[in-house]
C-alpha atoms as a PDB file:
ATOM      1  CA  MET A   1      19.657 -18.445   6.465  1.00  0.00           C
ATOM      2  CA  THR A   2      16.449 -17.079   4.254  1.00  0.00           C
ATOM      3  CA  ARG A   3      17.758 -14.002   2.084  1.00  0.00           C
ATOM      4  CA  ILE A   4      15.081 -11.225   2.143  1.00  0.00           C
ATOM      5  CA  ALA A   5      15.838  -8.513  -1.111  1.00  0.00           C
ATOM      6  CA  ILE A   6      13.668  -4.956  -0.144  1.00  0.00           C
ATOM      7  CA  LEU A   7      13.251  -3.206  -3.144  1.00  0.00           C
ATOM      8  CA  GLY A   8      12.223   0.300  -2.135  1.00  0.00           C
ATOM      9  CA  ALA A   9      13.895   1.588   1.060  1.00  0.00           C
ATOM     10  CA  GLY A  10      10.960   4.920   2.028  1.00  0.00           C
ATOM     11  CA  SER A  11       8.955   4.291   5.256  1.00  0.00           C
ATOM     12  CA  TRP A  12       7.318   1.181   4.297  1.00  0.00           C
ATOM     13  CA  GLY A  13       9.864  -0.990   2.990  1.00  0.00           C
ATOM     14  CA  THR A  14      12.332   0.471   5.863  1.00  0.00           C
ATOM     15  CA  ALA A  15      10.288  -0.555   8.473  1.00  0.00           C
ATOM     16  CA  LEU A  16       9.641  -4.074   6.731  1.00  0.00           C
ATOM     17  CA  SER A  17      13.451  -4.427   6.776  1.00  0.00           C
ATOM     18  CA  VAL A  18      13.454  -3.803  10.333  1.00  0.00           C
ATOM     19  CA  VAL A  19      10.444  -5.964  11.219  1.00  0.00           C
ATOM     20  CA  LEU A  20      11.835  -8.948   9.112  1.00  0.00           C
ATOM     21  CA  SER A  21      14.936  -8.643  11.178  1.00  0.00           C
ATOM     22  CA  ARG A  22      13.387  -9.365  14.363  1.00  0.00           C
ATOM     23  CA  ALA A  23      11.442 -12.734  12.715  1.00  0.00           C
ATOM     24  CA  ARG A  24      11.692 -15.571  14.312  1.00  0.00           C
ATOM     25  CA  THR A  25      13.110 -16.997  11.107  1.00  0.00           C
ATOM     26  CA  PRO A  26      16.676 -15.507  10.775  1.00  0.00           C
ATOM     27  CA  HIS A  27      16.922 -13.777   7.654  1.00  0.00           C
ATOM     28  CA  GLU A  28      19.447 -11.984   5.825  1.00  0.00           C
ATOM     29  CA  ILE A  29      17.809  -8.616   4.751  1.00  0.00           C
ATOM     30  CA  SER A  30      19.374  -6.561   1.919  1.00  0.00           C
ATOM     31  CA  LEU A  31      17.329  -2.840   1.621  1.00  0.00           C
ATOM     32  CA  TRP A  32      17.635  -1.524  -1.758  1.00  0.00           C
ATOM     33  CA  ALA A  33      16.735   2.224  -2.574  1.00  0.00           C
ATOM     34  CA  ARG A  34      15.979   4.067  -5.824  1.00  0.00           C
ATOM     35  CA  LYS A  35      18.475   7.037  -5.038  1.00  0.00           C
ATOM     36  CA  ALA A  36      22.275   6.720  -4.614  1.00  0.00           C
ATOM     37  CA  GLU A  37      22.361   9.208  -1.997  1.00  0.00           C
ATOM     38  CA  LEU A  38      19.547   7.825   0.767  1.00  0.00           C
ATOM     39  CA  ALA A  39      21.143   4.381   0.215  1.00  0.00           C
ATOM     40  CA  GLU A  40      24.708   6.141   0.731  1.00  0.00           C
ATOM     41  CA  THR A  41      23.057   7.345   3.974  1.00  0.00           C
ATOM     42  CA  LEU A  42      21.332   3.922   5.082  1.00  0.00           C
ATOM     43  CA  HIS A  43      24.590   2.446   4.864  1.00  0.00           C
ATOM     44  CA  ARG A  44      26.655   4.871   6.631  1.00  0.00           C
ATOM     45  CA  GLN A  45      24.291   6.682   9.556  1.00  0.00           C
ATOM     46  CA  ARG A  46      22.593   3.281   9.687  1.00  0.00           C
ATOM     47  CA  GLU A  47      19.032   5.320  10.004  1.00  0.00           C
ATOM     48  CA  ASN A  48      16.331   6.478   7.435  1.00  0.00           C
ATOM     49  CA  THR A  49      16.519  10.362   8.225  1.00  0.00           C
ATOM     50  CA  ALA A  50      14.390  11.389   4.643  1.00  0.00           C
ATOM     51  CA  TYR A  51      11.544   8.702   5.255  1.00  0.00           C
ATOM     52  CA  LEU A  52      11.420   6.949   9.102  1.00  0.00           C
ATOM     53  CA  THR A  53      13.540   8.969  11.354  1.00  0.00           C
ATOM     54  CA  GLY A  54      14.262   8.114  14.741  1.00  0.00           C
ATOM     55  CA  VAL A  55      14.736   4.217  13.756  1.00  0.00           C
ATOM     56  CA  ARG A  56      17.841   2.269  13.735  1.00  0.00           C
ATOM     57  CA  LEU A  57      18.411  -0.259  11.097  1.00  0.00           C
ATOM     58  CA  PRO A  58      20.286  -3.505  13.004  1.00  0.00           C
ATOM     59  CA  ASP A  59      23.586  -4.073  11.813  1.00  0.00           C
ATOM     60  CA  GLY A  60      22.584  -7.034   9.219  1.00  0.00           C
ATOM     61  CA  ILE A  61      20.676  -5.358   6.733  1.00  0.00           C
ATOM     62  CA  ARG A  62      22.938  -4.329   3.983  1.00  0.00           C
ATOM     63  CA  ALA A  63      21.205  -0.784   2.273  1.00  0.00           C
ATOM     64  CA  THR A  64      21.821  -0.613  -1.288  1.00  0.00           C
ATOM     65  CA  HIS A  65      21.567   1.259  -4.767  1.00  0.00           C
ATOM     66  CA  ASP A  66      22.819  -1.544  -6.946  1.00  0.00           C
ATOM     67  CA  MET A  67      20.048  -3.681  -7.904  1.00  0.00           C
ATOM     68  CA  PRO A  68      22.125  -6.872  -8.691  1.00  0.00           C
ATOM     69  CA  LYS A  69      23.907  -6.983  -5.263  1.00  0.00           C
ATOM     70  CA  ALA A  70      20.837  -6.180  -3.496  1.00  0.00           C
ATOM     71  CA  LEU A  71      18.904  -9.614  -5.350  1.00  0.00           C
ATOM     72  CA  ALA A  72      22.181 -11.997  -5.477  1.00  0.00           C
ATOM     73  CA  GLY A  73      20.784 -14.840  -3.813  1.00  0.00           C
ATOM     74  CA  ALA A  74      17.472 -13.871  -2.921  1.00  0.00           C
ATOM     75  CA  ASP A  75      14.668 -16.369  -2.014  1.00  0.00           C
ATOM     76  CA  ILE A  76      12.279 -13.615  -1.244  1.00  0.00           C
ATOM     77  CA  VAL A  77      11.687 -10.279  -3.022  1.00  0.00           C
ATOM     78  CA  ILE A  78      10.063  -7.732  -1.746  1.00  0.00           C
ATOM     79  CA  GLY A  79       8.287  -4.607  -3.876  1.00  0.00           C
ATOM     80  CA  ALA A  80       7.863  -2.005  -1.429  1.00  0.00           C
ATOM     81  CA  MET A  81       7.976   0.856  -3.747  1.00  0.00           C
ATOM     82  CA  PRO A  82       5.277   3.490  -4.819  1.00  0.00           C
ATOM     83  CA  SER A  83       2.695   2.065  -7.540  1.00  0.00           C
ATOM     84  CA  VAL A  84       3.691   4.593  -9.888  1.00  0.00           C
ATOM     85  CA  HIS A  85       7.491   3.165  -9.797  1.00  0.00           C
ATOM     86  CA  ALA A  86       6.481  -0.438  -9.084  1.00  0.00           C
ATOM     87  CA  ARG A  87       6.962  -1.421 -13.315  1.00  0.00           C
ATOM     88  CA  ALA A  88      10.383   0.493 -13.705  1.00  0.00           C
ATOM     89  CA  VAL A  89      11.335  -1.199 -10.597  1.00  0.00           C
ATOM     90  CA  TYR A  90      10.742  -4.867 -11.676  1.00  0.00           C
ATOM     91  CA  THR A  91      11.706  -4.204 -14.930  1.00  0.00           C
ATOM     92  CA  GLN A  92      15.087  -3.136 -13.544  1.00  0.00           C
ATOM     93  CA  ALA A  93      15.410  -6.128 -11.378  1.00  0.00           C
ATOM     94  CA  LEU A  94      14.542  -8.647 -14.480  1.00  0.00           C
ATOM     95  CA  PRO A  95      18.515  -9.570 -15.101  1.00  0.00           C
ATOM     96  CA  ALA A  96      18.837 -10.325 -11.541  1.00  0.00           C
ATOM     97  CA  ILE A  97      16.142 -12.482 -11.089  1.00  0.00           C
ATOM     98  CA  THR A  98      16.242 -16.198 -10.714  1.00  0.00           C
ATOM     99  CA  LYS A  99      13.880 -18.988 -10.856  1.00  0.00           C
ATOM    100  CA  GLU A 100      13.915 -19.657  -7.325  1.00  0.00           C
ATOM    101  CA  MET A 101      12.808 -16.699  -6.130  1.00  0.00           C
ATOM    102  CA  VAL A 102       9.121 -15.956  -4.821  1.00  0.00           C
ATOM    103  CA  PHE A 103       7.637 -12.412  -4.749  1.00  0.00           C
ATOM    104  CA  VAL A 104       5.857 -10.249  -2.100  1.00  0.00           C
ATOM    105  CA  SER A 105       4.389  -7.106  -3.250  1.00  0.00           C
ATOM    106  CA  ALA A 106       3.920  -4.800  -0.128  1.00  0.00           C
ATOM    107  CA  THR A 107       2.410  -1.999  -2.217  1.00  0.00           C
ATOM    108  CA  LYS A 108      -0.713  -0.512  -2.267  1.00  0.00           C
ATOM    109  CA  GLY A 109      -2.181   1.100  -5.063  1.00  0.00           C
ATOM    110  CA  LEU A 110      -3.632   0.874  -8.608  1.00  0.00           C
ATOM    111  CA  GLU A 111      -0.723   1.435 -11.845  1.00  0.00           C
ATOM    112  CA  PRO A 112      -2.399   4.841 -13.156  1.00  0.00           C
ATOM    113  CA  GLU A 113      -2.074   4.226 -16.805  1.00  0.00           C
ATOM    114  CA  THR A 114      -3.515   0.421 -17.196  1.00  0.00           C
ATOM    115  CA  HIS A 115      -5.767   0.314 -13.503  1.00  0.00           C
ATOM    116  CA  LEU A 116      -3.868  -2.942 -12.766  1.00  0.00           C
ATOM    117  CA  ARG A 117      -3.359  -4.485  -9.268  1.00  0.00           C
ATOM    118  CA  MET A 118       0.864  -4.523  -8.139  1.00  0.00           C
ATOM    119  CA  SER A 119       0.583  -8.053  -8.720  1.00  0.00           C
ATOM    120  CA  SER A 120      -0.930  -8.011 -12.485  1.00  0.00           C
ATOM    121  CA  VAL A 121       2.034  -5.382 -12.803  1.00  0.00           C
ATOM    122  CA  LEU A 122       4.930  -8.036 -11.543  1.00  0.00           C
ATOM    123  CA  ALA A 123       3.513 -10.938 -13.610  1.00  0.00           C
ATOM    124  CA  GLN A 124       3.093  -8.892 -16.487  1.00  0.00           C
ATOM    125  CA  VAL A 125       6.797  -8.025 -16.177  1.00  0.00           C
ATOM    126  CA  LEU A 126       7.769 -11.830 -15.524  1.00  0.00           C
ATOM    127  CA  VAL A 127       5.824 -12.971 -18.634  1.00  0.00           C
ATOM    128  CA  LYS A 128       6.761 -10.205 -20.972  1.00  0.00           C
ATOM    129  CA  ALA A 129      10.298 -11.421 -19.767  1.00  0.00           C
ATOM    130  CA  GLY A 130       9.671 -15.168 -20.402  1.00  0.00           C
ATOM    131  CA  ALA A 131       9.448 -16.118 -16.859  1.00  0.00           C
ATOM    132  CA  ALA A 132       5.610 -16.812 -16.539  1.00  0.00           C
ATOM    133  CA  GLU A 133       6.128 -19.599 -14.250  1.00  0.00           C
ATOM    134  CA  LEU A 134       7.102 -17.039 -11.940  1.00  0.00           C
ATOM    135  CA  SER A 135       3.926 -15.068 -11.745  1.00  0.00           C
ATOM    136  CA  ARG A 136       1.904 -18.256 -10.056  1.00  0.00           C
ATOM    137  CA  ARG A 137       4.984 -17.313  -6.905  1.00  0.00           C
ATOM    138  CA  ILE A 138       3.340 -14.139  -6.201  1.00  0.00           C
ATOM    139  CA  ALA A 139       2.125 -12.929  -3.006  1.00  0.00           C
ATOM    140  CA  VAL A 140       0.425  -9.695  -1.411  1.00  0.00           C
ATOM    141  CA  LEU A 141       0.732  -8.188   1.834  1.00  0.00           C
ATOM    142  CA  SER A 142      -1.638  -5.761   3.141  1.00  0.00           C
ATOM    143  CA  GLY A 143      -3.216  -4.617   6.324  1.00  0.00           C
ATOM    144  CA  PRO A 144      -3.087  -1.765   9.142  1.00  0.00           C
ATOM    145  CA  SER A 145       0.384  -1.010   9.381  1.00  0.00           C
ATOM    146  CA  PHE A 146       1.935   2.064   9.689  1.00  0.00           C
ATOM    147  CA  ALA A 147       5.500   1.720   9.404  1.00  0.00           C
ATOM    148  CA  ALA A 148       6.821   3.860  11.962  1.00  0.00           C
ATOM    149  CA  GLU A 149       4.624   2.183  14.356  1.00  0.00           C
ATOM    150  CA  ALA A 150       5.424  -1.337  13.129  1.00  0.00           C
ATOM    151  CA  ALA A 151       9.249  -0.643  13.279  1.00  0.00           C
ATOM    152  CA  ARG A 152       9.257   0.483  16.499  1.00  0.00           C
ATOM    153  CA  GLY A 153       7.990  -2.738  17.844  1.00  0.00           C
ATOM    154  CA  ASP A 154       4.241  -1.575  18.362  1.00  0.00           C
ATOM    155  CA  PRO A 155       1.945  -5.214  17.779  1.00  0.00           C
ATOM    156  CA  THR A 156       1.058  -5.155  14.212  1.00  0.00           C
ATOM    157  CA  ALA A 157      -1.432  -7.660  12.862  1.00  0.00           C
ATOM    158  CA  VAL A 158      -1.361  -7.829   8.628  1.00  0.00           C
ATOM    159  CA  VAL A 159      -2.838 -10.346   5.303  1.00  0.00           C
ATOM    160  CA  LEU A 160      -0.393 -12.628   3.618  1.00  0.00           C
ATOM    161  CA  ALA A 161      -2.083 -12.968   0.420  1.00  0.00           C
ATOM    162  CA  ALA A 162      -1.698 -15.670  -2.276  1.00  0.00           C
ATOM    163  CA  GLN A 163      -3.349 -18.563  -4.604  1.00  0.00           C
ATOM    164  CA  ASP A 164      -0.910 -21.155  -3.534  1.00  0.00           C
ATOM    165  CA  ALA A 165      -1.628 -22.112   0.118  1.00  0.00           C
ATOM    166  CA  ALA A 166       1.545 -23.815   0.557  1.00  0.00           C
ATOM    167  CA  LEU A 167       3.383 -21.022  -0.338  1.00  0.00           C
ATOM    168  CA  ALA A 168       1.685 -18.192   2.240  1.00  0.00           C
ATOM    169  CA  THR A 169       2.084 -20.746   4.456  1.00  0.00           C
ATOM    170  CA  ARG A 170       5.810 -20.565   3.917  1.00  0.00           C
ATOM    171  CA  LEU A 171       5.622 -16.963   4.043  1.00  0.00           C
ATOM    172  CA  GLN A 172       3.858 -16.225   6.895  1.00  0.00           C
ATOM    173  CA  GLU A 173       6.421 -18.057   8.783  1.00  0.00           C
ATOM    174  CA  GLU A 174       9.080 -16.686   7.518  1.00  0.00           C
ATOM    175  CA  PHE A 175       7.791 -13.294   8.738  1.00  0.00           C
ATOM    176  CA  SER A 176       6.042 -13.807  11.917  1.00  0.00           C
ATOM    177  CA  GLY A 177       7.476 -12.417  15.211  1.00  0.00           C
ATOM    178  CA  PRO A 178       6.963 -11.235  18.266  1.00  0.00           C
ATOM    179  CA  SER A 179       4.890  -8.040  17.292  1.00  0.00           C
ATOM    180  CA  PHE A 180       4.256  -8.917  13.637  1.00  0.00           C
ATOM    181  CA  ARG A 181       1.449 -11.309  12.964  1.00  0.00           C
ATOM    182  CA  LEU A 182      -0.131 -12.554  10.079  1.00  0.00           C
ATOM    183  CA  TYR A 183      -2.914 -13.924   8.623  1.00  0.00           C
ATOM    184  CA  THR A 184      -3.295 -15.650   5.657  1.00  0.00           C
ATOM    185  CA  ASN A 185      -5.611 -15.499   2.714  1.00  0.00           C
ATOM    186  CA  ASP A 186      -6.535 -17.314  -0.840  1.00  0.00           C
ATOM    187  CA  ASP A 187      -8.526 -13.458  -1.931  1.00  0.00           C
ATOM    188  CA  VAL A 188      -5.783 -11.976  -3.490  1.00  0.00           C
ATOM    189  CA  LEU A 189      -7.840  -9.802  -5.242  1.00  0.00           C
ATOM    190  CA  GLY A 190      -9.781  -8.517  -2.651  1.00  0.00           C
ATOM    191  CA  VAL A 191      -7.131  -8.007  -0.442  1.00  0.00           C
ATOM    192  CA  GLU A 192      -5.270  -5.880  -3.127  1.00  0.00           C
ATOM    193  CA  LEU A 193      -8.282  -3.978  -4.029  1.00  0.00           C
ATOM    194  CA  ALA A 194      -8.401  -2.956  -0.700  1.00  0.00           C
ATOM    195  CA  GLY A 195      -5.354  -1.821  -0.121  1.00  0.00           C
ATOM    196  CA  ALA A 196      -5.923   0.719  -2.947  1.00  0.00           C
ATOM    197  CA  MET A 197      -9.302   1.786  -2.071  1.00  0.00           C
ATOM    198  CA  LYS A 198      -8.888   2.879   1.308  1.00  0.00           C
ATOM    199  CA  ASN A 199      -6.383   5.477   0.422  1.00  0.00           C
ATOM    200  CA  VAL A 200      -8.877   7.200  -1.408  1.00  0.00           C
ATOM    201  CA  ILE A 201     -11.888   7.335   1.402  1.00  0.00           C
ATOM    202  CA  ALA A 202      -8.734   7.986   4.011  1.00  0.00           C
ATOM    203  CA  ILE A 203      -8.178  11.748   1.565  1.00  0.00           C
ATOM    204  CA  ALA A 204     -11.912  12.426   2.086  1.00  0.00           C
ATOM    205  CA  ALA A 205     -11.903  11.844   5.926  1.00  0.00           C
ATOM    206  CA  GLY A 206      -9.054  14.149   6.422  1.00  0.00           C
ATOM    207  CA  ALA A 207     -11.259  16.477   4.166  1.00  0.00           C
ATOM    208  CA  CYS A 208     -13.349  16.192   7.148  1.00  0.00           C
ATOM    209  CA  GLN A 209     -11.228  17.047   9.622  1.00  0.00           C
ATOM    210  CA  GLY A 210     -10.004  20.102   7.557  1.00  0.00           C
ATOM    211  CA  LEU A 211     -13.633  21.712   6.730  1.00  0.00           C
ATOM    212  CA  GLY A 212     -13.513  21.609  11.564  1.00  0.00           C
ATOM    213  CA  LEU A 213     -16.395  18.346  10.689  1.00  0.00           C
ATOM    214  CA  GLY A 214     -17.376  15.891  13.872  1.00  0.00           C
ATOM    215  CA  SER A 215     -17.504  12.754  14.353  1.00  0.00           C
ATOM    216  CA  ASN A 216     -20.822  11.791  12.761  1.00  0.00           C
ATOM    217  CA  PRO A 217     -19.393  12.571   9.585  1.00  0.00           C
ATOM    218  CA  LEU A 218     -16.421  10.390  10.164  1.00  0.00           C
ATOM    219  CA  ALA A 219     -18.289   7.454  10.988  1.00  0.00           C
ATOM    220  CA  ALA A 220     -20.305   7.590   8.400  1.00  0.00           C
ATOM    221  CA  LEU A 221     -17.468   7.906   6.109  1.00  0.00           C
ATOM    222  CA  ILE A 222     -15.897   5.198   6.752  1.00  0.00           C
ATOM    223  CA  THR A 223     -19.206   2.875   6.498  1.00  0.00           C
ATOM    224  CA  ARG A 224     -20.347   4.249   3.642  1.00  0.00           C
ATOM    225  CA  GLY A 225     -16.891   4.175   2.326  1.00  0.00           C
ATOM    226  CA  LEU A 226     -16.677   0.145   3.018  1.00  0.00           C
ATOM    227  CA  ALA A 227     -19.843  -0.238   1.467  1.00  0.00           C
ATOM    228  CA  GLU A 228     -18.485   1.330  -1.711  1.00  0.00           C
ATOM    229  CA  MET A 229     -15.373  -0.449  -1.552  1.00  0.00           C
ATOM    230  CA  MET A 230     -17.495  -3.941  -0.991  1.00  0.00           C
ATOM    231  CA  ARG A 231     -19.739  -3.263  -3.745  1.00  0.00           C
ATOM    232  CA  LEU A 232     -16.333  -2.927  -6.470  1.00  0.00           C
ATOM    233  CA  ALA A 233     -14.567  -5.792  -5.018  1.00  0.00           C
ATOM    234  CA  ALA A 234     -17.612  -8.260  -5.452  1.00  0.00           C
ATOM    235  CA  ALA A 235     -18.778  -6.869  -9.231  1.00  0.00           C
ATOM    236  CA  LEU A 236     -14.577  -7.532  -9.831  1.00  0.00           C
ATOM    237  CA  GLY A 237     -15.156 -11.439  -8.032  1.00  0.00           C
ATOM    238  CA  ALA A 238     -13.192 -10.587  -4.672  1.00  0.00           C
ATOM    239  CA  ARG A 239     -14.935 -11.614  -1.013  1.00  0.00           C
ATOM    240  CA  SER A 240     -16.832  -9.007   1.011  1.00  0.00           C
ATOM    241  CA  GLU A 241     -15.279 -11.540   3.824  1.00  0.00           C
ATOM    242  CA  THR A 242     -12.221 -10.204   2.825  1.00  0.00           C
ATOM    243  CA  LEU A 243     -13.253  -6.411   2.876  1.00  0.00           C
ATOM    244  CA  SER A 244     -14.505  -6.882   5.741  1.00  0.00           C
ATOM    245  CA  GLY A 245     -11.009  -7.575   7.290  1.00  0.00           C
ATOM    246  CA  LEU A 246      -7.799  -6.744   8.394  1.00  0.00           C
ATOM    247  CA  ALA A 247      -7.284  -5.475   4.717  1.00  0.00           C
ATOM    248  CA  GLY A 248     -10.267  -3.836   4.577  1.00  0.00           C
ATOM    249  CA  LEU A 249     -12.290  -2.502   6.950  1.00  0.00           C
ATOM    250  CA  GLY A 250      -9.062  -2.465   9.318  1.00  0.00           C
ATOM    251  CA  ASP A 251      -6.825  -0.784   7.349  1.00  0.00           C
ATOM    252  CA  LEU A 252      -9.719   1.898   6.689  1.00  0.00           C
ATOM    253  CA  VAL A 253     -10.299   2.354  10.165  1.00  0.00           C
ATOM    254  CA  LEU A 254      -6.573   3.327  10.643  1.00  0.00           C
ATOM    255  CA  THR A 255      -6.180   5.569   7.646  1.00  0.00           C
ATOM    256  CA  CYS A 256      -9.317   7.221   8.147  1.00  0.00           C
ATOM    257  CA  THR A 257      -8.352   8.013  11.719  1.00  0.00           C
ATOM    258  CA  GLY A 258      -4.637   8.052  12.005  1.00  0.00           C
ATOM    259  CA  ALA A 259      -2.501  11.353  12.485  1.00  0.00           C
ATOM    260  CA  LEU A 260       0.632   9.401  10.875  1.00  0.00           C
ATOM    261  CA  SER A 261      -1.870   8.439   7.585  1.00  0.00           C
ATOM    262  CA  ARG A 262      -0.335  10.220   4.467  1.00  0.00           C
ATOM    263  CA  ASN A 263      -4.073  10.055   2.604  1.00  0.00           C
ATOM    264  CA  ARG A 264      -5.782  11.370   5.282  1.00  0.00           C
ATOM    265  CA  HIS A 265      -3.283  14.372   5.800  1.00  0.00           C
ATOM    266  CA  VAL A 266      -3.565  15.201   1.936  1.00  0.00           C
ATOM    267  CA  GLY A 267      -6.903  15.667   2.675  1.00  0.00           C
ATOM    268  CA  VAL A 268      -7.058  17.527   5.745  1.00  0.00           C
ATOM    269  CA  GLU A 269      -4.771  20.140   3.811  1.00  0.00           C
ATOM    270  CA  LEU A 270      -7.593  20.352   1.229  1.00  0.00           C
ATOM    271  CA  GLY A 271      -9.995  20.877   3.642  1.00  0.00           C
ATOM    272  CA  LYS A 272      -8.666  23.922   4.689  1.00  0.00           C
ATOM    273  CA  GLY A 273      -8.599  25.845   1.390  1.00  0.00           C
ATOM    274  CA  ARG A 274      -5.013  24.325   0.647  1.00  0.00           C
ATOM    275  CA  LYS A 275      -4.344  23.534  -3.417  1.00  0.00           C
ATOM    276  CA  LEU A 276      -3.141  19.930  -4.011  1.00  0.00           C
ATOM    277  CA  PRO A 277       0.285  20.824  -5.455  1.00  0.00           C
ATOM    278  CA  GLU A 278       1.293  22.488  -2.696  1.00  0.00           C
ATOM    279  CA  ILE A 279       0.331  20.077  -0.253  1.00  0.00           C
ATOM    280  CA  LEU A 280       2.208  17.292  -2.055  1.00  0.00           C
ATOM    281  CA  ALA A 281       5.105  19.693  -2.913  1.00  0.00           C
ATOM    282  CA  GLU A 282       5.723  19.544   0.932  1.00  0.00           C
ATOM    283  CA  MET A 283       5.856  15.943   1.593  1.00  0.00           C
ATOM    284  CA  HIS A 284       8.448  13.404   1.204  1.00  0.00           C
ATOM    285  CA  MET A 285       6.617  10.763   1.163  1.00  0.00           C
ATOM    286  CA  VAL A 286       3.552   9.196  -1.347  1.00  0.00           C
ATOM    287  CA  ALA A 287       0.272   9.269  -1.027  1.00  0.00           C
ATOM    288  CA  GLU A 288      -1.429   6.409  -2.399  1.00  0.00           C
ATOM    289  CA  GLY A 289      -4.802   7.870  -3.232  1.00  0.00           C
ATOM    290  CA  VAL A 290      -4.215  10.629  -5.018  1.00  0.00           C
ATOM    291  CA  ASP A 291      -2.934   8.840  -7.885  1.00  0.00           C
ATOM    292  CA  THR A 292      -5.563   5.528  -7.104  1.00  0.00           C
ATOM    293  CA  ALA A 293      -8.830   7.739  -7.432  1.00  0.00           C
ATOM    294  CA  ALA A 294      -8.720   8.138 -11.131  1.00  0.00           C
ATOM    295  CA  PRO A 295      -7.752   4.821 -12.224  1.00  0.00           C
ATOM    296  CA  LEU A 296     -10.500   3.368  -9.291  1.00  0.00           C
ATOM    297  CA  LEU A 297     -13.371   5.651 -10.809  1.00  0.00           C
ATOM    298  CA  ALA A 298     -12.698   4.651 -14.258  1.00  0.00           C
ATOM    299  CA  LEU A 299     -13.108   0.428 -13.065  1.00  0.00           C
ATOM    300  CA  ALA A 300     -15.970   1.940 -11.099  1.00  0.00           C
ATOM    301  CA  ARG A 301     -17.655   3.434 -13.908  1.00  0.00           C
ATOM    302  CA  GLU A 302     -16.630  -0.011 -16.287  1.00  0.00           C
ATOM    303  CA  HIS A 303     -18.389  -2.151 -14.206  1.00  0.00           C
ATOM    304  CA  ALA A 304     -21.253   0.229 -13.770  1.00  0.00           C
ATOM    305  CA  ILE A 305     -20.123   0.642  -9.928  1.00  0.00           C
ATOM    306  CA  ASP A 306     -21.405   3.227  -8.168  1.00  0.00           C
ATOM    307  CA  MET A 307     -18.547   5.256  -5.957  1.00  0.00           C
ATOM    308  CA  PRO A 308     -20.319   8.448  -4.420  1.00  0.00           C
ATOM    309  CA  ILE A 309     -17.236   9.236  -2.254  1.00  0.00           C
ATOM    310  CA  THR A 310     -14.456   8.113  -4.174  1.00  0.00           C
ATOM    311  CA  GLU A 311     -16.184  10.512  -7.381  1.00  0.00           C
ATOM    312  CA  GLN A 312     -15.884  13.527  -5.090  1.00  0.00           C
ATOM    313  CA  VAL A 313     -12.810  13.156  -3.902  1.00  0.00           C
ATOM    314  CA  ASP A 314     -11.286  12.987  -8.085  1.00  0.00           C
ATOM    315  CA  ALA A 315     -13.583  15.788  -8.188  1.00  0.00           C
ATOM    316  CA  ILE A 316     -11.592  17.298  -5.590  1.00  0.00           C
ATOM    317  CA  LEU A 317      -8.174  16.263  -6.423  1.00  0.00           C
ATOM    318  CA  HIS A 318      -8.131  16.587 -10.522  1.00  0.00           C
ATOM    319  CA  ARG A 319     -11.427  18.862 -11.230  1.00  0.00           C
ATOM    320  CA  GLY A 320     -11.199  21.815  -8.542  1.00  0.00           C
ATOM    321  CA  GLN A 321     -13.951  20.834  -6.442  1.00  0.00           C
ATOM    322  CA  LEU A 322     -14.431  22.410  -3.366  1.00  0.00           C
ATOM    323  CA  PRO A 323     -14.390  19.766   0.071  1.00  0.00           C
ATOM    324  CA  LYS A 324     -17.715  21.604   1.328  1.00  0.00           C
ATOM    325  CA  ASP A 325     -19.141  21.408  -2.198  1.00  0.00           C
ATOM    326  CA  ALA A 326     -18.794  17.765  -2.470  1.00  0.00           C
ATOM    327  CA  ILE A 327     -20.229  17.057   0.822  1.00  0.00           C
ATOM    328  CA  ARG A 328     -23.365  18.478   0.097  1.00  0.00           C
ATOM    329  CA  GLU A 329     -23.282  16.727  -3.577  1.00  0.00           C
ATOM    330  CA  ILE A 330     -23.043  13.691  -1.297  1.00  0.00           C
ATOM    331  CA  MET A 331     -25.881  14.575   1.352  1.00  0.00           C
ATOM    332  CA  ASP A 332     -28.480  15.499  -1.662  1.00  0.00           C
ATOM    333  CA  ARG A 333     -28.102  12.364  -3.508  1.00  0.00           C
ATOM    334  CA  PRO A 334     -32.028  11.073  -4.190  1.00  0.00           C
ATOM    335  CA  LEU A 335     -32.600   8.879  -0.150  1.00  0.00           C
ATOM    336  CA  ARG A 336     -32.027   4.652  -0.801  1.00  0.00           C
ATOM    337  CA  ARG A 337     -31.990   2.412   1.228  1.00  0.00           C
ATOM    338  CA  GLU A 338     -29.313   0.844   2.973  1.00  0.00           C
END
C-alpha cells in the first residue's frame, strides 16, 4: 500500500487527504500541520474546523505536528503549504527525506523573495542538501479545484505535470478516484505559472464586483487576463496550449467567478473601499495572489512583457491605487489590435 505524506493542513491539504482517501488505489495518508494545536484538533475531532468545516476526516488519515512521524515510510510527499512557507517547510522536512520518495507540489504561487516557482524552490532545497537526484522526481498538481467542493466529492478535473512521463502516469493512477480526474502534462513551467498568475487576475475580477460592475467587464477581464498570462508564459518558455487548458483557462474562470475564491474575495472587499490589512486580518486562509502580484510583475518587467492588469493589481495592493482609477487607466491605454 502506498504511503502519502501531505505537508500542510490548510483547506487544500486537508481536502487532498480526503480526496486521496477515496482513490481507486488504497493509501496510507498522514497529514502534517504546522501548528501543534491544529494537529491535535484534527486528531481528536476528525474535522478541520479552522480551514475546512463540515468535512469529516476518514479514520485512516493520521494528523500530526511531528514532521519525522509524518514522513516515516512515505512513498509520495505532497507539498500543500502556502508559498511563503514552502522553503521553510521543505527545509524542515529534509532530515526525514529518503531517496525512494517522489514529490508533488500542490501550491499555487511564487516565492516572494526569489520569484521562483514552487517546484524550483523544492529542487533548490534538495540540491543544497546534496540530494540533487531527487529534484528530478518532482511533479506539480494544479487546476480548477476549490477545496470544499473536491472534499465533498464534486466531480473535479486537474492537471498532474512532470517532466518524467512515467512519473506523471504513475501519480495519475495513484491519485485518480470516482470524482477526481487527472490529466498529465509535461509542461511543468506552464502549469505552475498559470496557477500563480490566475490568482492575481482573480483579485481584479473581485474588485469589479466590489465596484458594482456587471458581466461585460468580467468577461473582458478574464479574456485579457488570459492574454497577458499567455504572453509571460510564452516568454519564459511555456506552451500556449497549457494556458488554454485546465491549469490556465479552467482555473482562471473558476477563481474569477467562484464565490469560494479567496483571491476574488480580497478583490471584492478592495472594490468596496476597504484597506488590504483590514481584509487580510479577517481571513484565516492565505490569498496567494496578494504575495504573487509583485514577483509576477518583476518577472514581466525582466522579460519586457506588458501585463497591465497585473500592474494595476499590484498598484492597488501595494501603492494605494483605487480600483476605480485602475480600471480607468486600463481603459485609457492606447488602442491596439487584439
